[in-house]
mmCIF file of all heavy atoms, coordinates in Angstrom:
data_MODEL
# 
_entry.id   MODEL 
# 
loop_
_atom_site.group_PDB 
_atom_site.id 
_atom_site.type_symbol 
_atom_site.label_atom_id 
_atom_site.label_alt_id 
_atom_site.label_comp_id 
_atom_site.label_asym_id 
_atom_site.label_entity_id 
_atom_site.label_seq_id 
_atom_site.pdbx_PDB_ins_code 
_atom_site.Cartn_x 
_atom_site.Cartn_y 
_atom_site.Cartn_z 
_atom_site.occupancy 
_atom_site.B_iso_or_equiv 
_atom_site.pdbx_formal_charge 
_atom_site.auth_seq_id 
_atom_site.auth_comp_id 
_atom_site.auth_asym_id 
_atom_site.auth_atom_id 
_atom_site.pdbx_PDB_model_num 
ATOM 1   N N   . ALA A 1 1  ? 148.540 127.871 96.168  1.00 0.00 ? 1  ALA A N   1 
ATOM 2   C CA  . ALA A 1 1  ? 147.833 126.591 96.151  1.00 0.00 ? 1  ALA A CA  1 
ATOM 3   C C   . ALA A 1 1  ? 146.892 126.462 97.349  1.00 0.00 ? 1  ALA A C   1 
ATOM 4   O O   . ALA A 1 1  ? 145.769 125.961 97.211  1.00 0.00 ? 1  ALA A O   1 
ATOM 5   C CB  . ALA A 1 1  ? 148.837 125.445 96.149  1.00 0.00 ? 1  ALA A CB  1 
ATOM 6   N N   . ARG A 1 2  ? 147.315 126.921 98.519  1.00 0.00 ? 2  ARG A N   1 
ATOM 7   C CA  . ARG A 1 2  ? 146.491 126.819 99.721  1.00 0.00 ? 2  ARG A CA  1 
ATOM 8   C C   . ARG A 1 2  ? 145.237 127.662 99.596  1.00 0.00 ? 2  ARG A C   1 
ATOM 9   O O   . ARG A 1 2  ? 144.131 127.196 99.876  1.00 0.00 ? 2  ARG A O   1 
ATOM 10  C CB  . ARG A 1 2  ? 147.307 127.242 100.943 1.00 0.00 ? 2  ARG A CB  1 
ATOM 11  C CG  . ARG A 1 2  ? 146.531 127.120 102.261 1.00 0.00 ? 2  ARG A CG  1 
ATOM 12  C CD  . ARG A 1 2  ? 147.437 127.294 103.449 1.00 0.00 ? 2  ARG A CD  1 
ATOM 13  N NE  . ARG A 1 2  ? 148.064 128.607 103.472 1.00 0.00 ? 2  ARG A NE  1 
ATOM 14  C CZ  . ARG A 1 2  ? 149.358 128.811 103.236 1.00 0.00 ? 2  ARG A CZ  1 
ATOM 15  N NH1 . ARG A 1 2  ? 150.151 127.793 102.946 1.00 0.00 ? 2  ARG A NH1 1 
ATOM 16  N NH2 . ARG A 1 2  ? 149.864 130.030 103.290 1.00 0.00 ? 2  ARG A NH2 1 
ATOM 17  N N   . HIS A 1 3  ? 145.388 128.891 99.156  1.00 0.00 ? 3  HIS A N   1 
ATOM 18  C CA  . HIS A 1 3  ? 144.220 129.760 99.031  1.00 0.00 ? 3  HIS A CA  1 
ATOM 19  C C   . HIS A 1 3  ? 143.361 129.370 97.849  1.00 0.00 ? 3  HIS A C   1 
ATOM 20  O O   . HIS A 1 3  ? 142.151 129.569 97.865  1.00 0.00 ? 3  HIS A O   1 
ATOM 21  C CB  . HIS A 1 3  ? 144.670 131.216 98.913  1.00 0.00 ? 3  HIS A CB  1 
ATOM 22  C CG  . HIS A 1 3  ? 145.147 131.785 100.208 1.00 0.00 ? 3  HIS A CG  1 
ATOM 23  N ND1 . HIS A 1 3  ? 144.318 132.462 101.067 1.00 0.00 ? 3  HIS A ND1 1 
ATOM 24  C CD2 . HIS A 1 3  ? 146.372 131.761 100.815 1.00 0.00 ? 3  HIS A CD2 1 
ATOM 25  C CE1 . HIS A 1 3  ? 145.000 132.845 102.142 1.00 0.00 ? 3  HIS A CE1 1 
ATOM 26  N NE2 . HIS A 1 3  ? 146.251 132.436 102.009 1.00 0.00 ? 3  HIS A NE2 1 
ATOM 27  N N   . GLY A 1 4  ? 143.979 128.805 96.794  1.00 0.00 ? 4  GLY A N   1 
ATOM 28  C CA  . GLY A 1 4  ? 143.176 128.321 95.679  1.00 0.00 ? 4  GLY A CA  1 
ATOM 29  C C   . GLY A 1 4  ? 142.318 127.143 96.081  1.00 0.00 ? 4  GLY A C   1 
ATOM 30  O O   . GLY A 1 4  ? 141.158 127.027 95.691  1.00 0.00 ? 4  GLY A O   1 
ATOM 31  N N   . ALA A 1 5  ? 142.853 126.232 96.932  1.00 0.00 ? 5  ALA A N   1 
ATOM 32  C CA  . ALA A 1 5  ? 142.079 125.097 97.432  1.00 0.00 ? 5  ALA A CA  1 
ATOM 33  C C   . ALA A 1 5  ? 140.946 125.566 98.333  1.00 0.00 ? 5  ALA A C   1 
ATOM 34  O O   . ALA A 1 5  ? 139.844 125.031 98.302  1.00 0.00 ? 5  ALA A O   1 
ATOM 35  C CB  . ALA A 1 5  ? 142.999 124.130 98.182  1.00 0.00 ? 5  ALA A CB  1 
ATOM 36  N N   . ARG A 1 6  ? 141.204 126.593 99.145  1.00 0.00 ? 6  ARG A N   1 
ATOM 37  C CA  . ARG A 1 6  ? 140.165 127.133 100.018 1.00 0.00 ? 6  ARG A CA  1 
ATOM 38  C C   . ARG A 1 6  ? 139.041 127.744 99.205  1.00 0.00 ? 6  ARG A C   1 
ATOM 39  O O   . ARG A 1 6  ? 137.864 127.595 99.531  1.00 0.00 ? 6  ARG A O   1 
ATOM 40  C CB  . ARG A 1 6  ? 140.778 128.178 100.946 1.00 0.00 ? 6  ARG A CB  1 
ATOM 41  C CG  . ARG A 1 6  ? 139.802 128.753 101.960 1.00 0.00 ? 6  ARG A CG  1 
ATOM 42  C CD  . ARG A 1 6  ? 140.497 129.795 102.818 1.00 0.00 ? 6  ARG A CD  1 
ATOM 43  N NE  . ARG A 1 6  ? 141.662 129.212 103.494 1.00 0.00 ? 6  ARG A NE  1 
ATOM 44  C CZ  . ARG A 1 6  ? 142.512 129.929 104.209 1.00 0.00 ? 6  ARG A CZ  1 
ATOM 45  N NH1 . ARG A 1 6  ? 142.340 131.234 104.344 1.00 0.00 ? 6  ARG A NH1 1 
ATOM 46  N NH2 . ARG A 1 6  ? 143.541 129.346 104.799 1.00 0.00 ? 6  ARG A NH2 1 
ATOM 47  N N   . GLN A 1 7  ? 139.404 128.399 98.102  1.00 0.00 ? 7  GLN A N   1 
ATOM 48  C CA  . GLN A 1 7  ? 138.386 128.998 97.237  1.00 0.00 ? 7  GLN A CA  1 
ATOM 49  C C   . GLN A 1 7  ? 137.527 127.912 96.609  1.00 0.00 ? 7  GLN A C   1 
ATOM 50  O O   . GLN A 1 7  ? 136.308 128.046 96.509  1.00 0.00 ? 7  GLN A O   1 
ATOM 51  C CB  . GLN A 1 7  ? 139.063 129.823 96.145  1.00 0.00 ? 7  GLN A CB  1 
ATOM 52  C CG  . GLN A 1 7  ? 138.083 130.414 95.132  1.00 0.00 ? 7  GLN A CG  1 
ATOM 53  C CD  . GLN A 1 7  ? 138.806 131.115 94.003  1.00 0.00 ? 7  GLN A CD  1 
ATOM 54  O OE1 . GLN A 1 7  ? 140.015 131.251 94.036  1.00 0.00 ? 7  GLN A OE1 1 
ATOM 55  N NE2 . GLN A 1 7  ? 138.052 131.529 93.006  1.00 0.00 ? 7  GLN A NE2 1 
ATOM 56  N N   . GLY A 1 8  ? 138.165 126.786 96.184  1.00 0.00 ? 8  GLY A N   1 
ATOM 57  C CA  . GLY A 1 8  ? 137.401 125.703 95.592  1.00 0.00 ? 8  GLY A CA  1 
ATOM 58  C C   . GLY A 1 8  ? 136.456 125.058 96.591  1.00 0.00 ? 8  GLY A C   1 
ATOM 59  O O   . GLY A 1 8  ? 135.339 124.684 96.260  1.00 0.00 ? 8  GLY A O   1 
ATOM 60  N N   . ALA A 1 9  ? 136.875 124.920 97.855  1.00 0.00 ? 9  ALA A N   1 
ATOM 61  C CA  . ALA A 1 9  ? 136.017 124.345 98.886  1.00 0.00 ? 9  ALA A CA  1 
ATOM 62  C C   . ALA A 1 9  ? 134.819 125.246 99.162  1.00 0.00 ? 9  ALA A C   1 
ATOM 63  O O   . ALA A 1 9  ? 133.701 124.778 99.377  1.00 0.00 ? 9  ALA A O   1 
ATOM 64  C CB  . ALA A 1 9  ? 136.817 124.112 100.169 1.00 0.00 ? 9  ALA A CB  1 
ATOM 65  N N   . THR A 1 10 ? 135.032 126.545 99.144  1.00 0.00 ? 10 THR A N   1 
ATOM 66  C CA  . THR A 1 10 ? 133.941 127.492 99.362  1.00 0.00 ? 10 THR A CA  1 
ATOM 67  C C   . THR A 1 10 ? 132.904 127.389 98.262  1.00 0.00 ? 10 THR A C   1 
ATOM 68  O O   . THR A 1 10 ? 131.696 127.411 98.498  1.00 0.00 ? 10 THR A O   1 
ATOM 69  C CB  . THR A 1 10 ? 134.491 128.921 99.447  1.00 0.00 ? 10 THR A CB  1 
ATOM 70  O OG1 . THR A 1 10 ? 135.462 128.969 100.477 1.00 0.00 ? 10 THR A OG1 1 
ATOM 71  C CG2 . THR A 1 10 ? 133.383 129.914 99.708  1.00 0.00 ? 10 THR A CG2 1 
ATOM 72  N N   . ALA A 1 11 ? 133.373 127.277 97.023  1.00 0.00 ? 11 ALA A N   1 
ATOM 73  C CA  . ALA A 1 11 ? 132.449 127.168 95.895  1.00 0.00 ? 11 ALA A CA  1 
ATOM 74  C C   . ALA A 1 11 ? 131.672 125.863 95.965  1.00 0.00 ? 11 ALA A C   1 
ATOM 75  O O   . ALA A 1 11 ? 130.484 125.815 95.629  1.00 0.00 ? 11 ALA A O   1 
ATOM 76  C CB  . ALA A 1 11 ? 133.232 127.262 94.582  1.00 0.00 ? 11 ALA A CB  1 
ATOM 77  N N   . ALA A 1 12 ? 132.301 124.758 96.416  1.00 0.00 ? 12 ALA A N   1 
ATOM 78  C CA  . ALA A 1 12 ? 131.623 123.472 96.486  1.00 0.00 ? 12 ALA A CA  1 
ATOM 79  C C   . ALA A 1 12 ? 130.549 123.454 97.568  1.00 0.00 ? 12 ALA A C   1 
ATOM 80  O O   . ALA A 1 12 ? 129.549 122.749 97.456  1.00 0.00 ? 12 ALA A O   1 
ATOM 81  C CB  . ALA A 1 12 ? 132.644 122.355 96.749  1.00 0.00 ? 12 ALA A CB  1 
ATOM 82  N N   . SER A 1 13 ? 130.737 124.245 98.640  1.00 0.00 ? 13 SER A N   1 
ATOM 83  C CA  . SER A 1 13 ? 129.764 124.283 99.723  1.00 0.00 ? 13 SER A CA  1 
ATOM 84  C C   . SER A 1 13 ? 128.548 125.121 99.401  1.00 0.00 ? 13 SER A C   1 
ATOM 85  O O   . SER A 1 13 ? 127.593 125.143 100.156 1.00 0.00 ? 13 SER A O   1 
ATOM 86  C CB  . SER A 1 13 ? 130.433 124.819 100.996 1.00 0.00 ? 13 SER A CB  1 
ATOM 87  O OG  . SER A 1 13 ? 130.853 126.160 100.796 1.00 0.00 ? 13 SER A OG  1 
ATOM 88  N N   . GLY A 1 14 ? 128.573 125.851 98.295  1.00 0.00 ? 14 GLY A N   1 
ATOM 89  C CA  . GLY A 1 14 ? 127.438 126.661 97.895  1.00 0.00 ? 14 GLY A CA  1 
ATOM 90  C C   . GLY A 1 14 ? 127.438 128.042 98.467  1.00 0.00 ? 14 GLY A C   1 
ATOM 91  O O   . GLY A 1 14 ? 126.495 128.807 98.270  1.00 0.00 ? 14 GLY A O   1 
ATOM 92  N N   . VAL A 1 15 ? 128.476 128.409 99.230  1.00 0.00 ? 15 VAL A N   1 
ATOM 93  C CA  . VAL A 1 15 ? 128.564 129.749 99.797  1.00 0.00 ? 15 VAL A CA  1 
ATOM 94  C C   . VAL A 1 15 ? 129.070 130.697 98.734  1.00 0.00 ? 15 VAL A C   1 
ATOM 95  O O   . VAL A 1 15 ? 129.957 130.353 97.955  1.00 0.00 ? 15 VAL A O   1 
ATOM 96  C CB  . VAL A 1 15 ? 129.512 129.756 101.014 1.00 0.00 ? 15 VAL A CB  1 
ATOM 97  C CG1 . VAL A 1 15 ? 129.594 131.157 101.616 1.00 0.00 ? 15 VAL A CG1 1 
ATOM 98  C CG2 . VAL A 1 15 ? 129.017 128.763 102.044 1.00 0.00 ? 15 VAL A CG2 1 
ATOM 99  N N   . ALA A 1 16 ? 128.511 131.871 98.706  1.00 0.00 ? 16 ALA A N   1 
ATOM 100 C CA  . ALA A 1 16 ? 128.933 132.849 97.708  1.00 0.00 ? 16 ALA A CA  1 
ATOM 101 C C   . ALA A 1 16 ? 130.393 133.188 97.905  1.00 0.00 ? 16 ALA A C   1 
ATOM 102 O O   . ALA A 1 16 ? 130.841 133.430 99.030  1.00 0.00 ? 16 ALA A O   1 
ATOM 103 C CB  . ALA A 1 16 ? 128.080 134.123 97.813  1.00 0.00 ? 16 ALA A CB  1 
ATOM 104 N N   . GLU A 1 17 ? 131.163 133.185 96.795  1.00 0.00 ? 17 GLU A N   1 
ATOM 105 C CA  . GLU A 1 17 ? 132.578 133.492 96.854  1.00 0.00 ? 17 GLU A CA  1 
ATOM 106 C C   . GLU A 1 17 ? 132.801 134.974 97.008  1.00 0.00 ? 17 GLU A C   1 
ATOM 107 O O   . GLU A 1 17 ? 132.074 135.784 96.437  1.00 0.00 ? 17 GLU A O   1 
ATOM 108 C CB  . GLU A 1 17 ? 133.274 133.026 95.572  1.00 0.00 ? 17 GLU A CB  1 
ATOM 109 C CG  . GLU A 1 17 ? 133.203 131.525 95.373  1.00 0.00 ? 17 GLU A CG  1 
ATOM 110 C CD  . GLU A 1 17 ? 133.939 131.122 94.121  1.00 0.00 ? 17 GLU A CD  1 
ATOM 111 O OE1 . GLU A 1 17 ? 134.550 132.011 93.497  1.00 0.00 ? 17 GLU A OE1 1 
ATOM 112 O OE2 . GLU A 1 17 ? 133.919 129.933 93.768  1.00 0.00 ? 17 GLU A OE2 1 
ATOM 113 N N   . PRO A 1 18 ? 133.760 135.366 97.785  1.00 0.00 ? 18 PRO A N   1 
ATOM 114 C CA  . PRO A 1 18 ? 134.090 136.792 97.886  1.00 0.00 ? 18 PRO A CA  1 
ATOM 115 C C   . PRO A 1 18 ? 134.620 137.306 96.570  1.00 0.00 ? 18 PRO A C   1 
ATOM 116 O O   . PRO A 1 18 ? 135.219 136.572 95.802  1.00 0.00 ? 18 PRO A O   1 
ATOM 117 C CB  . PRO A 1 18 ? 135.154 136.841 98.986  1.00 0.00 ? 18 PRO A CB  1 
ATOM 118 C CG  . PRO A 1 18 ? 135.751 135.473 98.997  1.00 0.00 ? 18 PRO A CG  1 
ATOM 119 C CD  . PRO A 1 18 ? 134.652 134.547 98.637  1.00 0.00 ? 18 PRO A CD  1 
ATOM 120 N N   . ALA A 1 19 ? 134.409 138.585 96.359  1.00 0.00 ? 19 ALA A N   1 
ATOM 121 C CA  . ALA A 1 19 ? 134.815 139.189 95.094  1.00 0.00 ? 19 ALA A CA  1 
ATOM 122 C C   . ALA A 1 19 ? 136.315 139.347 95.039  1.00 0.00 ? 19 ALA A C   1 
ATOM 123 O O   . ALA A 1 19 ? 136.983 139.429 96.061  1.00 0.00 ? 19 ALA A O   1 
ATOM 124 C CB  . ALA A 1 19 ? 134.137 140.559 94.926  1.00 0.00 ? 19 ALA A CB  1 
ATOM 125 N N   . TYR A 1 20 ? 136.867 139.397 93.823  1.00 0.00 ? 20 TYR A N   1 
ATOM 126 C CA  . TYR A 1 20 ? 138.287 139.635 93.598  1.00 0.00 ? 20 TYR A CA  1 
ATOM 127 C C   . TYR A 1 20 ? 138.597 141.114 93.759  1.00 0.00 ? 20 TYR A C   1 
ATOM 128 O O   . TYR A 1 20 ? 137.734 141.975 93.691  1.00 0.00 ? 20 TYR A O   1 
ATOM 129 C CB  . TYR A 1 20 ? 138.692 139.204 92.191  1.00 0.00 ? 20 TYR A CB  1 
ATOM 130 C CG  . TYR A 1 20 ? 138.548 137.733 91.937  1.00 0.00 ? 20 TYR A CG  1 
ATOM 131 C CD1 . TYR A 1 20 ? 138.124 137.264 90.705  1.00 0.00 ? 20 TYR A CD1 1 
ATOM 132 C CD2 . TYR A 1 20 ? 138.830 136.818 92.947  1.00 0.00 ? 20 TYR A CD2 1 
ATOM 133 C CE1 . TYR A 1 20 ? 137.988 135.907 90.468  1.00 0.00 ? 20 TYR A CE1 1 
ATOM 134 C CE2 . TYR A 1 20 ? 138.708 135.466 92.718  1.00 0.00 ? 20 TYR A CE2 1 
ATOM 135 C CZ  . TYR A 1 20 ? 138.284 135.016 91.484  1.00 0.00 ? 20 TYR A CZ  1 
ATOM 136 O OH  . TYR A 1 20 ? 138.158 133.683 91.239  1.00 0.00 ? 20 TYR A OH  1 
ATOM 137 N N   . VAL A 1 21 ? 139.849 141.369 93.941  1.00 0.00 ? 21 VAL A N   1 
ATOM 138 C CA  . VAL A 1 21 ? 140.298 142.754 93.961  1.00 0.00 ? 21 VAL A CA  1 
ATOM 139 C C   . VAL A 1 21 ? 140.034 143.362 92.598  1.00 0.00 ? 21 VAL A C   1 
ATOM 140 O O   . VAL A 1 21 ? 140.333 142.767 91.568  1.00 0.00 ? 21 VAL A O   1 
ATOM 141 C CB  . VAL A 1 21 ? 141.799 142.832 94.292  1.00 0.00 ? 21 VAL A CB  1 
ATOM 142 C CG1 . VAL A 1 21 ? 142.302 144.249 94.099  1.00 0.00 ? 21 VAL A CG1 1 
ATOM 143 C CG2 . VAL A 1 21 ? 142.036 142.376 95.720  1.00 0.00 ? 21 VAL A CG2 1 
ATOM 144 N N   . GLY A 1 22 ? 139.488 144.535 92.568  1.00 0.00 ? 22 GLY A N   1 
ATOM 145 C CA  . GLY A 1 22 ? 139.202 145.173 91.291  1.00 0.00 ? 22 GLY A CA  1 
ATOM 146 C C   . GLY A 1 22 ? 137.801 144.878 90.810  1.00 0.00 ? 22 GLY A C   1 
ATOM 147 O O   . GLY A 1 22 ? 137.431 145.251 89.705  1.00 0.00 ? 22 GLY A O   1 
ATOM 148 N N   . ALA A 1 23 ? 136.956 144.200 91.621  1.00 0.00 ? 23 ALA A N   1 
ATOM 149 C CA  . ALA A 1 23 ? 135.604 143.906 91.202  1.00 0.00 ? 23 ALA A CA  1 
ATOM 150 C C   . ALA A 1 23 ? 134.738 145.123 91.432  1.00 0.00 ? 23 ALA A C   1 
ATOM 151 O O   . ALA A 1 23 ? 134.996 145.977 92.255  1.00 0.00 ? 23 ALA A O   1 
ATOM 152 C CB  . ALA A 1 23 ? 135.059 142.711 91.988  1.00 0.00 ? 23 ALA A CB  1 
ATOM 153 N N   . ASP A 1 24 ? 133.643 145.159 90.691  1.00 0.00 ? 24 ASP A N   1 
ATOM 154 C CA  . ASP A 1 24 ? 132.721 146.288 90.838  1.00 0.00 ? 24 ASP A CA  1 
ATOM 155 C C   . ASP A 1 24 ? 131.740 145.985 91.961  1.00 0.00 ? 24 ASP A C   1 
ATOM 156 O O   . ASP A 1 24 ? 131.855 145.016 92.699  1.00 0.00 ? 24 ASP A O   1 
ATOM 157 C CB  . ASP A 1 24 ? 132.014 146.569 89.512  1.00 0.00 ? 24 ASP A CB  1 
ATOM 158 C CG  . ASP A 1 24 ? 131.323 145.331 88.958  1.00 0.00 ? 24 ASP A CG  1 
ATOM 159 O OD1 . ASP A 1 24 ? 131.105 144.398 89.754  1.00 0.00 ? 24 ASP A OD1 1 
ATOM 160 O OD2 . ASP A 1 24 ? 131.019 145.315 87.753  1.00 0.00 ? 24 ASP A OD2 1 
ATOM 161 N N   . ALA A 1 25 ? 130.702 146.801 92.072  1.00 0.00 ? 25 ALA A N   1 
ATOM 162 C CA  . ALA A 1 25 ? 129.762 146.668 93.171  1.00 0.00 ? 25 ALA A CA  1 
ATOM 163 C C   . ALA A 1 25 ? 128.981 145.377 93.107  1.00 0.00 ? 25 ALA A C   1 
ATOM 164 O O   . ALA A 1 25 ? 128.487 144.872 94.114  1.00 0.00 ? 25 ALA A O   1 
ATOM 165 C CB  . ALA A 1 25 ? 128.796 147.863 93.176  1.00 0.00 ? 25 ALA A CB  1 
# 
């Protein structure tokens, strides 16, 4: 829940979200 909330705040600020594990280039 803590990291999910942090991810939502990052998306709301307009900053590009870091890629998930297993993402391509």
